[in-house]
Amino acid sequence: MSKLPFGANFKRAQILWELGLHIAGNPQTRYGGDRDMRISVGSGAGEAFRPSLNLATGSAIMAYDVARGDVDAAFVNPSALLTQACRGTGLFTRPLPLRIIASYPSVDRFVIAMRKGLGFTSLHDVKKARYPLRVSLREDPTHSTLVLVAQLLGHYGMSIADIEAWGGCVVPAGPPNDKRRMAGIFDGTLDAVFDEGISLWIAEALANNMALIPIESDAFEAMQAIGWRKVELKTGRFSHLPAYDAFDFSGWPLYARADLADEIAYKICGAFKARHDEMTWEEGTHEGLAHLGIETDATPMDVPMHPGAQRWWREQG
């Protein structure tokens, strides 16, 4: 298929997309600001635009918006937060009727790395010592890692606020390899990193006197009950790293409410196929169209697939 359907109207639509992407992608916009996009497909032939399909990006709690029907389909990262939404656990106070349409393949892990000189081998040690950690966390207040950090520390009976009360501090990071984080890793002023996106920072951390801090089995059990998966770190693209049980941070499921019309979900799947070559895929992870509709290391699926999508993927074999 050509890059764009023929017609001036589609050129104008692409121009609007590029304008929106540029404005949303302004590096000066603070996290939590206008950095997401909602795409509406419909008719502008009358006095008012009549949307027939609304697609969006945003935080995990936007699942409430999808469940209400204000947004028809949205991406979330990682898949574990969609699991929480459907179970009504963790971040969500009630189960939401949501289903997967497709999952963008993405492999990642969440780990905890700490300065070896501290002598800590567990988060229990940190709490017992009431240690004032200088810990690097994402500065985006809606970032999914902060949900995991809060839930995990809660199991150990502490919080980031406690660490700050003990005299510690948060060293903010935008991307996983933020220069503020990397400087703290290299010069030894950073005590810990709690994060995913590990391909961008873990090798440097391990090479600069940091070690992975184990998570106890009871903590994994509690987190698995919420919706987080335990996975081995030393596999696939991370086979060069030490043996370690990590939290799975994989998958970007595109999800919809359960009662979205089957034909709409079916049509969205068809669009993935039609525009496959125009999409930006994660290098070294995407293995073809079929990857989006099946359970794999890169596309964990603990939530049922929408029946309209299920029919489309089944027809593709």
Foldseek 3Di string as FASTA:
>chain_A
DDQFDDDPVRVVVVVVVVVLQVVLPDPVADFVGSNKDKDFDADPPDPDTDGPAIEIEDFLVCLVVQLVVVHFKYKYWDCLSVVLQQPQFQPGNHHGQKAFLWWAFDWKFWFKKFFVVVVDQAVLVCVVVLELAAEEDAPRPRDPLQSVQQLLVVVSVDHVVSSVVSVHYYQHAHDPQRVSVLVCLQVVVHGMYTGMVCVNPVVSNVVRRMDTHADDPVSQVVVVVSRWDWDWQCDDPRVVDDTGTTTIGAIITIMGGQPDDLVVSLVVLVVCVVCVVVDDGDPPTDDDSLNTPDDDSRHHDPGHHRPSSVVNSVVVD
